[in-house]
C-alpha atoms as a PDB file:
ATOM      1  CA  UNK A   1      39.713  44.117 -55.274  1.00  0.00           C
ATOM      2  CA  UNK A   2      40.543  45.008 -59.078  1.00  0.00           C
ATOM      3  CA  UNK A   3      44.025  46.742 -58.972  1.00  0.00           C
ATOM      4  CA  UNK A   4      45.371  46.614 -62.765  1.00  0.00           C
ATOM      5  CA  UNK A   5      45.460  49.605 -64.948  1.00  0.00           C
ATOM      6  CA  UNK A   6      45.669  48.624 -68.682  1.00  0.00           C
ATOM      7  CA  UNK A   7      47.389  50.485 -71.056  1.00  0.00           C
ATOM      8  CA  UNK A   8      46.710  50.190 -74.683  1.00  0.00           C
ATOM      9  CA  UNK A   9      49.367  51.815 -76.711  1.00  0.00           C
ATOM     10  CA  UNK A  10      49.057  50.210 -80.328  1.00  0.00           C
ATOM     11  CA  UNK A  11      46.489  49.216 -82.949  1.00  0.00           C
ATOM     12  CA  UNK A  12      44.226  46.256 -81.915  1.00  0.00           C
ATOM     13  CA  UNK A  13      40.656  44.900 -81.500  1.00  0.00           C
ATOM     14  CA  UNK A  14      39.283  44.382 -77.882  1.00  0.00           C
ATOM     15  CA  UNK A  15      36.577  42.144 -77.188  1.00  0.00           C
ATOM     16  CA  UNK A  16      34.667  40.357 -74.377  1.00  0.00           C
ATOM     17  CA  UNK A  17      34.884  36.477 -73.851  1.00  0.00           C
ATOM     18  CA  UNK A  18      33.955  34.361 -71.051  1.00  0.00           C
ATOM     19  CA  UNK A  19      34.769  37.079 -68.155  1.00  0.00           C
ATOM     20  CA  UNK A  20      37.969  38.220 -70.015  1.00  0.00           C
ATOM     21  CA  UNK A  21      39.101  41.335 -71.931  1.00  0.00           C
ATOM     22  CA  UNK A  22      40.558  39.919 -75.278  1.00  0.00           C
ATOM     23  CA  UNK A  23      43.136  42.189 -76.850  1.00  0.00           C
ATOM     24  CA  UNK A  24      43.991  40.872 -80.396  1.00  0.00           C
ATOM     25  CA  UNK A  25      46.885  42.423 -82.406  1.00  0.00           C
ATOM     26  CA  UNK A  26      48.026  41.120 -85.818  1.00  0.00           C
ATOM     27  CA  UNK A  27      50.567  38.631 -84.161  1.00  0.00           C
ATOM     28  CA  UNK A  28      49.452  38.342 -80.593  1.00  0.00           C
ATOM     29  CA  UNK A  29      46.469  37.781 -78.568  1.00  0.00           C
ATOM     30  CA  UNK A  30      46.201  38.471 -74.719  1.00  0.00           C
ATOM     31  CA  UNK A  31      43.534  37.917 -72.121  1.00  0.00           C
ATOM     32  CA  UNK A  32      42.972  39.573 -68.851  1.00  0.00           C
ATOM     33  CA  UNK A  33      40.102  38.743 -66.451  1.00  0.00           C
ATOM     34  CA  UNK A  34      37.873  41.873 -65.725  1.00  0.00           C
ATOM     35  CA  UNK A  35      38.140  41.090 -62.149  1.00  0.00           C
ATOM     36  CA  UNK A  36      41.552  42.072 -62.187  1.00  0.00           C
ATOM     37  CA  UNK A  37      41.143  45.450 -64.102  1.00  0.00           C
ATOM     38  CA  UNK A  38      40.239  48.950 -62.154  1.00  0.00           C
ATOM     39  CA  UNK A  39      40.783  51.078 -65.358  1.00  0.00           C
ATOM     40  CA  UNK A  40      41.783  50.801 -68.998  1.00  0.00           C
ATOM     41  CA  UNK A  41      43.681  53.788 -70.724  1.00  0.00           C
ATOM     42  CA  UNK A  42      43.566  53.821 -74.501  1.00  0.00           C
ATOM     43  CA  UNK A  43      46.689  55.566 -75.731  1.00  0.00           C
ATOM     44  CA  UNK A  44      46.034  55.006 -79.421  1.00  0.00           C
ATOM     45  CA  UNK A  45      43.265  56.265 -81.756  1.00  0.00           C
ATOM     46  CA  UNK A  46      43.160  52.819 -83.696  1.00  0.00           C
ATOM     47  CA  UNK A  47      41.669  50.630 -80.895  1.00  0.00           C
ATOM     48  CA  UNK A  48      38.297  49.079 -81.812  1.00  0.00           C
ATOM     49  CA  UNK A  49      36.035  47.832 -79.162  1.00  0.00           C
ATOM     50  CA  UNK A  50      33.042  45.618 -79.154  1.00  0.00           C
ATOM     51  CA  UNK A  51      29.716  46.763 -77.894  1.00  0.00           C
ATOM     52  CA  UNK A  52      29.634  43.553 -75.693  1.00  0.00           C
ATOM     53  CA  UNK A  53      32.969  44.710 -74.169  1.00  0.00           C
ATOM     54  CA  UNK A  54      31.683  48.070 -73.266  1.00  0.00           C
ATOM     55  CA  UNK A  55      28.597  46.489 -71.649  1.00  0.00           C
ATOM     56  CA  UNK A  56      30.642  44.243 -69.446  1.00  0.00           C
ATOM     57  CA  UNK A  57      32.875  47.127 -68.631  1.00  0.00           C
ATOM     58  CA  UNK A  58      29.990  49.045 -67.227  1.00  0.00           C
ATOM     59  CA  UNK A  59      28.650  46.295 -65.286  1.00  0.00           C
ATOM     60  CA  UNK A  60      31.977  45.760 -63.662  1.00  0.00           C
ATOM     61  CA  UNK A  61      32.365  49.481 -63.277  1.00  0.00           C
ATOM     62  CA  UNK A  62      35.599  49.532 -64.908  1.00  0.00           C
ATOM     63  CA  UNK A  63      36.912  53.054 -65.880  1.00  0.00           C
ATOM     64  CA  UNK A  64      37.646  53.429 -69.402  1.00  0.00           C
ATOM     65  CA  UNK A  65      39.734  56.556 -70.467  1.00  0.00           C
ATOM     66  CA  UNK A  66      40.343  57.534 -74.039  1.00  0.00           C
ATOM     67  CA  UNK A  67      43.222  59.661 -75.123  1.00  0.00           C
ATOM     68  CA  UNK A  68      43.438  61.823 -78.169  1.00  0.00           C
ATOM     69  CA  UNK A  69      46.053  61.992 -81.186  1.00  0.00           C
ATOM     70  CA  UNK A  70      48.613  63.529 -78.617  1.00  0.00           C
ATOM     71  CA  UNK A  71      48.000  60.871 -76.029  1.00  0.00           C
ATOM     72  CA  UNK A  72      46.077  63.339 -73.650  1.00  0.00           C
ATOM     73  CA  UNK A  73      43.044  62.021 -71.927  1.00  0.00           C
ATOM     74  CA  UNK A  74      40.117  63.474 -73.337  1.00  0.00           C
ATOM     75  CA  UNK A  75      37.220  61.332 -72.438  1.00  0.00           C
ATOM     76  CA  UNK A  76      35.938  58.635 -70.111  1.00  0.00           C
ATOM     77  CA  UNK A  77      33.343  55.816 -70.268  1.00  0.00           C
ATOM     78  CA  UNK A  78      31.364  55.140 -67.092  1.00  0.00           C
ATOM     79  CA  UNK A  79      28.097  53.295 -66.225  1.00  0.00           C
ATOM     80  CA  UNK A  80      24.898  55.252 -66.803  1.00  0.00           C
ATOM     81  CA  UNK A  81      23.734  54.022 -63.322  1.00  0.00           C
ATOM     82  CA  UNK A  82      26.406  53.170 -60.864  1.00  0.00           C
ATOM     83  CA  UNK A  83      24.230  51.789 -57.917  1.00  0.00           C
ATOM     84  CA  UNK A  84      20.838  49.998 -57.710  1.00  0.00           C
ATOM     85  CA  UNK A  85      19.472  52.923 -55.726  1.00  0.00           C
ATOM     86  CA  UNK A  86      20.585  55.782 -57.745  1.00  0.00           C
ATOM     87  CA  UNK A  87      17.420  57.721 -57.537  1.00  0.00           C
ATOM     88  CA  UNK A  88      17.731  57.744 -53.885  1.00  0.00           C
ATOM     89  CA  UNK A  89      21.249  58.860 -53.877  1.00  0.00           C
ATOM     90  CA  UNK A  90      20.542  61.664 -56.320  1.00  0.00           C
ATOM     91  CA  UNK A  91      17.685  62.897 -54.141  1.00  0.00           C
ATOM     92  CA  UNK A  92      20.048  62.888 -51.207  1.00  0.00           C
ATOM     93  CA  UNK A  93      22.540  64.838 -53.284  1.00  0.00           C
ATOM     94  CA  UNK A  94      20.189  67.512 -54.320  1.00  0.00           C
ATOM     95  CA  UNK A  95      18.920  67.950 -50.877  1.00  0.00           C
ATOM     96  CA  UNK A  96      22.282  68.668 -49.271  1.00  0.00           C
ATOM     97  CA  UNK A  97      22.236  71.985 -47.580  1.00  0.00           C
ATOM     98  CA  UNK A  98      24.694  74.995 -47.908  1.00  0.00           C
ATOM     99  CA  UNK A  99      26.079  74.634 -44.268  1.00  0.00           C
ATOM    100  CA  UNK A 100      27.053  71.070 -44.796  1.00  0.00           C
ATOM    101  CA  UNK A 101      28.626  71.663 -48.164  1.00  0.00           C
ATOM    102  CA  UNK A 102      30.375  74.562 -46.775  1.00  0.00           C
ATOM    103  CA  UNK A 103      31.875  72.625 -43.818  1.00  0.00           C
ATOM    104  CA  UNK A 104      32.893  69.512 -45.911  1.00  0.00           C
ATOM    105  CA  UNK A 105      34.541  72.037 -48.514  1.00  0.00           C
ATOM    106  CA  UNK A 106      36.638  73.662 -45.718  1.00  0.00           C
ATOM    107  CA  UNK A 107      37.757  70.202 -44.578  1.00  0.00           C
ATOM    108  CA  UNK A 108      38.682  69.210 -48.222  1.00  0.00           C
ATOM    109  CA  UNK A 109      40.727  72.632 -48.735  1.00  0.00           C
ATOM    110  CA  UNK A 110      42.407  72.089 -45.350  1.00  0.00           C
ATOM    111  CA  UNK A 111      43.578  68.765 -46.495  1.00  0.00           C
ATOM    112  CA  UNK A 112      44.750  69.906 -49.806  1.00  0.00           C
ATOM    113  CA  UNK A 113      46.970  72.773 -48.393  1.00  0.00           C
ATOM    114  CA  UNK A 114      48.349  70.231 -45.650  1.00  0.00           C
ATOM    115  CA  UNK A 115      49.381  68.142 -48.604  1.00  0.00           C
ATOM    116  CA  UNK A 116      50.800  70.882 -50.438  1.00  0.00           C
ATOM    117  CA  UNK A 117      53.013  72.013 -47.250  1.00  0.00           C
ATOM    118  CA  UNK A 118      54.332  68.409 -46.989  1.00  0.00           C
ATOM    119  CA  UNK A 119      55.640  68.613 -50.626  1.00  0.00           C
ATOM    120  CA  UNK A 120      57.202  71.840 -49.730  1.00  0.00           C
ATOM    121  CA  UNK A 121      58.838  70.420 -46.408  1.00  0.00           C
ATOM    122  CA  UNK A 122      60.158  67.495 -48.752  1.00  0.00           C
ATOM    123  CA  UNK A 123      61.953  70.037 -50.866  1.00  0.00           C
ATOM    124  CA  UNK A 124      63.498  71.687 -47.888  1.00  0.00           C
ATOM    125  CA  UNK A 125      61.335  74.739 -48.250  1.00  0.00           C
ATOM    126  CA  UNK A 126      60.421  75.272 -44.659  1.00  0.00           C
ATOM    127  CA  UNK A 127      59.472  78.860 -44.737  1.00  0.00           C
ATOM    128  CA  UNK A 128      57.102  78.417 -47.503  1.00  0.00           C
ATOM    129  CA  UNK A 129      55.531  75.255 -46.089  1.00  0.00           C
ATOM    130  CA  UNK A 130      55.302  77.578 -42.715  1.00  0.00           C
ATOM    131  CA  UNK A 131      53.098  80.157 -44.816  1.00  0.00           C
ATOM    132  CA  UNK A 132      51.000  77.335 -46.169  1.00  0.00           C
ATOM    133  CA  UNK A 133      50.280  75.852 -42.878  1.00  0.00           C
ATOM    134  CA  UNK A 134      49.204  79.272 -41.674  1.00  0.00           C
ATOM    135  CA  UNK A 135      46.707  79.498 -44.674  1.00  0.00           C
ATOM    136  CA  UNK A 136      45.337  76.134 -43.821  1.00  0.00           C
ATOM    137  CA  UNK A 137      44.639  77.430 -40.251  1.00  0.00           C
ATOM    138  CA  UNK A 138      42.658  80.328 -41.740  1.00  0.00           C
ATOM    139  CA  UNK A 139      40.476  78.336 -43.831  1.00  0.00           C
ATOM    140  CA  UNK A 140      36.848  79.216 -42.921  1.00  0.00           C
ATOM    141  CA  UNK A 141      33.540  77.480 -43.804  1.00  0.00           C
ATOM    142  CA  UNK A 142      33.092  77.394 -47.471  1.00  0.00           C
ATOM    143  CA  UNK A 143      36.629  78.855 -47.853  1.00  0.00           C
ATOM    144  CA  UNK A 144      35.033  82.272 -47.930  1.00  0.00           C
ATOM    145  CA  UNK A 145      38.471  84.032 -47.874  1.00  0.00           C
ATOM    146  CA  UNK A 146      39.789  81.927 -50.605  1.00  0.00           C
ATOM    147  CA  UNK A 147      42.572  80.300 -48.881  1.00  0.00           C
ATOM    148  CA  UNK A 148      42.934  77.624 -51.380  1.00  0.00           C
ATOM    149  CA  UNK A 149      43.878  80.144 -54.279  1.00  0.00           C
ATOM    150  CA  UNK A 150      46.163  81.999 -52.024  1.00  0.00           C
ATOM    151  CA  UNK A 151      48.060  78.708 -50.895  1.00  0.00           C
ATOM    152  CA  UNK A 152      48.155  77.436 -54.445  1.00  0.00           C
ATOM    153  CA  UNK A 153      50.003  80.718 -55.483  1.00  0.00           C
ATOM    154  CA  UNK A 154      52.641  80.388 -52.882  1.00  0.00           C
ATOM    155  CA  UNK A 155      52.931  76.719 -53.651  1.00  0.00           C
ATOM    156  CA  UNK A 156      53.573  76.645 -57.315  1.00  0.00           C
ATOM    157  CA  UNK A 157      56.095  79.596 -57.019  1.00  0.00           C
ATOM    158  CA  UNK A 158      58.124  77.637 -54.278  1.00  0.00           C
ATOM    159  CA  UNK A 159      57.931  74.264 -56.050  1.00  0.00           C
ATOM    160  CA  UNK A 160      58.452  75.198 -59.652  1.00  0.00           C
ATOM    161  CA  UNK A 161      59.770  78.793 -59.571  1.00  0.00           C
ATOM    162  CA  UNK A 162      58.446  82.288 -59.423  1.00  0.00           C
ATOM    163  CA  UNK A 163      58.389  82.466 -63.201  1.00  0.00           C
ATOM    164  CA  UNK A 164      56.149  79.326 -63.620  1.00  0.00           C
ATOM    165  CA  UNK A 165      52.776  79.542 -64.992  1.00  0.00           C
ATOM    166  CA  UNK A 166      50.215  76.676 -65.597  1.00  0.00           C
ATOM    167  CA  UNK A 167      49.513  78.165 -68.987  1.00  0.00           C
ATOM    168  CA  UNK A 168      53.342  77.696 -70.126  1.00  0.00           C
ATOM    169  CA  UNK A 169      53.801  75.115 -72.807  1.00  0.00           C
ATOM    170  CA  UNK A 170      56.388  73.036 -70.979  1.00  0.00           C
ATOM    171  CA  UNK A 171      56.751  69.369 -70.062  1.00  0.00           C
ATOM    172  CA  UNK A 172      55.805  69.678 -66.524  1.00  0.00           C
ATOM    173  CA  UNK A 173      52.661  71.208 -67.247  1.00  0.00           C
ATOM    174  CA  UNK A 174      51.675  68.516 -69.762  1.00  0.00           C
ATOM    175  CA  UNK A 175      52.554  65.940 -66.933  1.00  0.00           C
ATOM    176  CA  UNK A 176      50.268  67.803 -64.593  1.00  0.00           C
ATOM    177  CA  UNK A 177      47.372  67.836 -66.789  1.00  0.00           C
ATOM    178  CA  UNK A 178      47.748  64.336 -67.814  1.00  0.00           C
ATOM    179  CA  UNK A 179      48.001  63.203 -64.004  1.00  0.00           C
ATOM    180  CA  UNK A 180      45.136  65.367 -62.889  1.00  0.00           C
ATOM    181  CA  UNK A 181      43.060  63.799 -65.791  1.00  0.00           C
ATOM    182  CA  UNK A 182      43.740  60.399 -64.635  1.00  0.00           C
ATOM    183  CA  UNK A 183      42.931  61.479 -61.017  1.00  0.00           C
ATOM    184  CA  UNK A 184      39.647  62.801 -61.927  1.00  0.00           C
ATOM    185  CA  UNK A 185      38.809  59.615 -63.801  1.00  0.00           C
ATOM    186  CA  UNK A 186      39.345  57.783 -60.523  1.00  0.00           C
ATOM    187  CA  UNK A 187      37.195  60.031 -58.515  1.00  0.00           C
ATOM    188  CA  UNK A 188      34.472  59.924 -61.202  1.00  0.00           C
ATOM    189  CA  UNK A 189      34.475  56.268 -61.018  1.00  0.00           C
ATOM    190  CA  UNK A 190      33.884  56.301 -57.120  1.00  0.00           C
ATOM    191  CA  UNK A 191      31.255  58.908 -57.260  1.00  0.00           C
ATOM    192  CA  UNK A 192      28.983  57.256 -60.066  1.00  0.00           C
ATOM    193  CA  UNK A 193      29.584  53.917 -58.661  1.00  0.00           C
ATOM    194  CA  UNK A 194      27.728  55.122 -55.436  1.00  0.00           C
ATOM    195  CA  UNK A 195      24.856  56.636 -57.524  1.00  0.00           C
ATOM    196  CA  UNK A 196      25.665  60.110 -57.200  1.00  0.00           C
ATOM    197  CA  UNK A 197      25.815  62.829 -59.943  1.00  0.00           C
ATOM    198  CA  UNK A 198      29.455  64.216 -60.888  1.00  0.00           C
ATOM    199  CA  UNK A 199      27.923  67.383 -62.189  1.00  0.00           C
ATOM    200  CA  UNK A 200      26.412  68.749 -58.930  1.00  0.00           C
ATOM    201  CA  UNK A 201      29.416  69.996 -56.729  1.00  0.00           C
ATOM    202  CA  UNK A 202      29.601  71.410 -53.301  1.00  0.00           C
ATOM    203  CA  UNK A 203      31.926  74.194 -54.316  1.00  0.00           C
ATOM    204  CA  UNK A 204      32.653  73.828 -58.181  1.00  0.00           C
ATOM    205  CA  UNK A 205      29.352  74.808 -59.783  1.00  0.00           C
ATOM    206  CA  UNK A 206      30.427  75.826 -63.430  1.00  0.00           C
ATOM    207  CA  UNK A 207      27.358  75.169 -65.960  1.00  0.00           C
ATOM    208  CA  UNK A 208      30.027  73.720 -68.218  1.00  0.00           C
ATOM    209  CA  UNK A 209      31.714  71.421 -66.076  1.00  0.00           C
ATOM    210  CA  UNK A 210      30.004  67.852 -65.864  1.00  0.00           C
ATOM    211  CA  UNK A 211      32.544  66.733 -63.331  1.00  0.00           C
ATOM    212  CA  UNK A 212      32.031  69.588 -60.565  1.00  0.00           C
ATOM    213  CA  UNK A 213      31.634  67.250 -57.633  1.00  0.00           C
ATOM    214  CA  UNK A 214      34.690  64.912 -58.581  1.00  0.00           C
ATOM    215  CA  UNK A 215      36.754  68.238 -59.019  1.00  0.00           C
ATOM    216  CA  UNK A 216      35.782  69.030 -55.478  1.00  0.00           C
ATOM    217  CA  UNK A 217      36.588  65.531 -54.089  1.00  0.00           C
ATOM    218  CA  UNK A 218      40.071  65.268 -56.197  1.00  0.00           C
ATOM    219  CA  UNK A 219      41.544  68.274 -54.536  1.00  0.00           C
ATOM    220  CA  UNK A 220      43.626  66.701 -51.824  1.00  0.00           C
ATOM    221  CA  UNK A 221      45.222  64.216 -54.048  1.00  0.00           C
ATOM    222  CA  UNK A 222      46.556  66.802 -56.544  1.00  0.00           C
ATOM    223  CA  UNK A 223      49.956  66.910 -54.749  1.00  0.00           C
ATOM    224  CA  UNK A 224      50.599  63.250 -55.351  1.00  0.00           C
ATOM    225  CA  UNK A 225      50.570  64.137 -59.093  1.00  0.00           C
ATOM    226  CA  UNK A 226      52.714  67.528 -58.437  1.00  0.00           C
ATOM    227  CA  UNK A 227      55.544  65.432 -56.817  1.00  0.00           C
ATOM    228  CA  UNK A 228      55.538  63.100 -59.795  1.00  0.00           C
ATOM    229  CA  UNK A 229      55.477  65.888 -62.246  1.00  0.00           C
ATOM    230  CA  UNK A 230      58.421  67.567 -60.478  1.00  0.00           C
ATOM    231  CA  UNK A 231      60.538  64.498 -60.019  1.00  0.00           C
ATOM    232  CA  UNK A 232      59.981  62.889 -63.654  1.00  0.00           C
ATOM    233  CA  UNK A 233      58.898  65.633 -66.213  1.00  0.00           C
ATOM    234  CA  UNK A 234      60.749  68.760 -65.797  1.00  0.00           C
ATOM    235  CA  UNK A 235      62.743  68.164 -68.999  1.00  0.00           C
ATOM    236  CA  UNK A 236      60.731  65.528 -71.020  1.00  0.00           C
ATOM    237  CA  UNK A 237      56.969  64.236 -70.916  1.00  0.00           C
ATOM    238  CA  UNK A 238      57.194  60.959 -72.748  1.00  0.00           C
ATOM    239  CA  UNK A 239      55.579  57.450 -72.715  1.00  0.00           C
ATOM    240  CA  UNK A 240      57.326  56.333 -69.625  1.00  0.00           C
ATOM    241  CA  UNK A 241      55.939  59.418 -67.611  1.00  0.00           C
ATOM    242  CA  UNK A 242      52.582  58.653 -69.054  1.00  0.00           C
ATOM    243  CA  UNK A 243      52.642  55.134 -67.791  1.00  0.00           C
ATOM    244  CA  UNK A 244      53.871  56.382 -64.490  1.00  0.00           C
ATOM    245  CA  UNK A 245      50.899  58.752 -63.942  1.00  0.00           C
ATOM    246  CA  UNK A 246      48.450  56.259 -65.695  1.00  0.00           C
ATOM    247  CA  UNK A 247      49.222  53.935 -62.890  1.00  0.00           C
ATOM    248  CA  UNK A 248      48.675  56.403 -60.044  1.00  0.00           C
ATOM    249  CA  UNK A 249      46.077  54.247 -58.460  1.00  0.00           C
ATOM    250  CA  UNK A 250      48.580  51.747 -57.719  1.00  0.00           C
ATOM    251  CA  UNK A 251      50.816  54.004 -55.632  1.00  0.00           C
ATOM    252  CA  UNK A 252      50.977  52.967 -52.023  1.00  0.00           C
ATOM    253  CA  UNK A 253      50.060  55.593 -49.284  1.00  0.00           C
ATOM    254  CA  UNK A 254      49.185  55.685 -45.437  1.00  0.00           C
ATOM    255  CA  UNK A 255      45.609  55.927 -44.564  1.00  0.00           C
ATOM    256  CA  UNK A 256      44.098  55.623 -41.156  1.00  0.00           C
ATOM    257  CA  UNK A 257      47.323  53.675 -39.850  1.00  0.00           C
ATOM    258  CA  UNK A 258      47.280  51.472 -42.733  1.00  0.00           C
ATOM    259  CA  UNK A 259      49.042  51.005 -46.225  1.00  0.00           C
ATOM    260  CA  UNK A 260      46.685  50.973 -49.185  1.00  0.00           C
ATOM    261  CA  UNK A 261      46.896  51.518 -52.870  1.00  0.00           C
ATOM    262  CA  UNK A 262      45.904  55.057 -53.912  1.00  0.00           C
ATOM    263  CA  UNK A 263      42.769  54.125 -55.746  1.00  0.00           C
ATOM    264  CA  UNK A 264      41.567  52.220 -52.400  1.00  0.00           C
ATOM    265  CA  UNK A 265      42.059  55.478 -50.442  1.00  0.00           C
ATOM    266  CA  UNK A 266      40.341  57.418 -52.954  1.00  0.00           C
ATOM    267  CA  UNK A 267      37.445  55.395 -52.612  1.00  0.00           C
ATOM    268  CA  UNK A 268      37.519  55.673 -48.761  1.00  0.00           C
ATOM    269  CA  UNK A 269      38.011  59.335 -48.845  1.00  0.00           C
ATOM    270  CA  UNK A 270      34.982  59.801 -51.379  1.00  0.00           C
ATOM    271  CA  UNK A 271      32.837  57.387 -49.053  1.00  0.00           C
ATOM    272  CA  UNK A 272      33.790  59.625 -45.663  1.00  0.00           C
ATOM    273  CA  UNK A 273      32.969  62.786 -47.641  1.00  0.00           C
ATOM    274  CA  UNK A 274      29.622  61.562 -48.761  1.00  0.00           C
ATOM    275  CA  UNK A 275      28.831  60.163 -45.205  1.00  0.00           C
ATOM    276  CA  UNK A 276      29.427  63.591 -43.923  1.00  0.00           C
ATOM    277  CA  UNK A 277      27.357  65.247 -46.454  1.00  0.00           C
ATOM    278  CA  UNK A 278      24.420  62.991 -45.523  1.00  0.00           C
ATOM    279  CA  UNK A 279      25.258  63.578 -42.018  1.00  0.00           C
ATOM    280  CA  UNK A 280      26.287  60.088 -41.043  1.00  0.00           C
ATOM    281  CA  UNK A 281      29.741  61.039 -40.083  1.00  0.00           C
ATOM    282  CA  UNK A 282      31.275  63.913 -38.575  1.00  0.00           C
ATOM    283  CA  UNK A 283      32.953  66.223 -40.897  1.00  0.00           C
ATOM    284  CA  UNK A 284      36.051  66.301 -38.436  1.00  0.00           C
ATOM    285  CA  UNK A 285      36.396  62.608 -39.158  1.00  0.00           C
ATOM    286  CA  UNK A 286      37.174  62.918 -42.741  1.00  0.00           C
ATOM    287  CA  UNK A 287      40.806  61.968 -42.685  1.00  0.00           C
ATOM    288  CA  UNK A 288      43.854  62.746 -44.849  1.00  0.00           C
ATOM    289  CA  UNK A 289      46.600  60.413 -45.951  1.00  0.00           C
ATOM    290  CA  UNK A 290      50.304  60.135 -45.878  1.00  0.00           C
ATOM    291  CA  UNK A 291      52.958  59.243 -48.399  1.00  0.00           C
END
């Protein structure tokens, strides 16, 4: 399985040759076989890619993330048709009823809050963690009482301080935004590769968000980014932190009794959520992970 995240941080030309990504700089040329690559992150706006390479990346379902002049992820290139039976998958997606969507969303929210509580426990914040576990137990079908938002307020205040706001222009927020964008790109890749639409969510339904469904499914994984931002970006958000967050998919977590890279767990989690939405798996069988 592809596992490498490729960072391209300086001016160069990228092309395709005989199964390889070819990166040419003025004084150097490197080749990497596409079978090894799960994603490419362009951290420089002076990178030129051939149409041949773009076509091969789409065939191999390799995610290409583009950053702006401030090195923040701003766009993603994905296959137009991620599966041979995409029409069937889209028809399935549009036929999902509200009851099953609400039950799956309930499971997603409960797992997200559980992961947030684990972060608090690791920080020695037992009382705050206890409050989050209580919120988790109160999550109803469709999260009609909005326990997710309630838990988030408690969680961010406990982890980053009561005066913290996600709107603040501080390094930790820059790291959170960057990490969430990388995580979203991972989920987008899995949704599209299975022939489903990223636009049609089970909870997120904004007409201005083309990634509603991916935003739904990424929620339980956000606390992984939170941990890294807390540990490495309190004072400075630099290239080293970007690389750390950009390589998120290669972090090892425990899932269903085994150790896997995160990108594999994201793939399996998306697969289980889709199976539950299509009523091929009990919602209660959608499992979480451990770090």
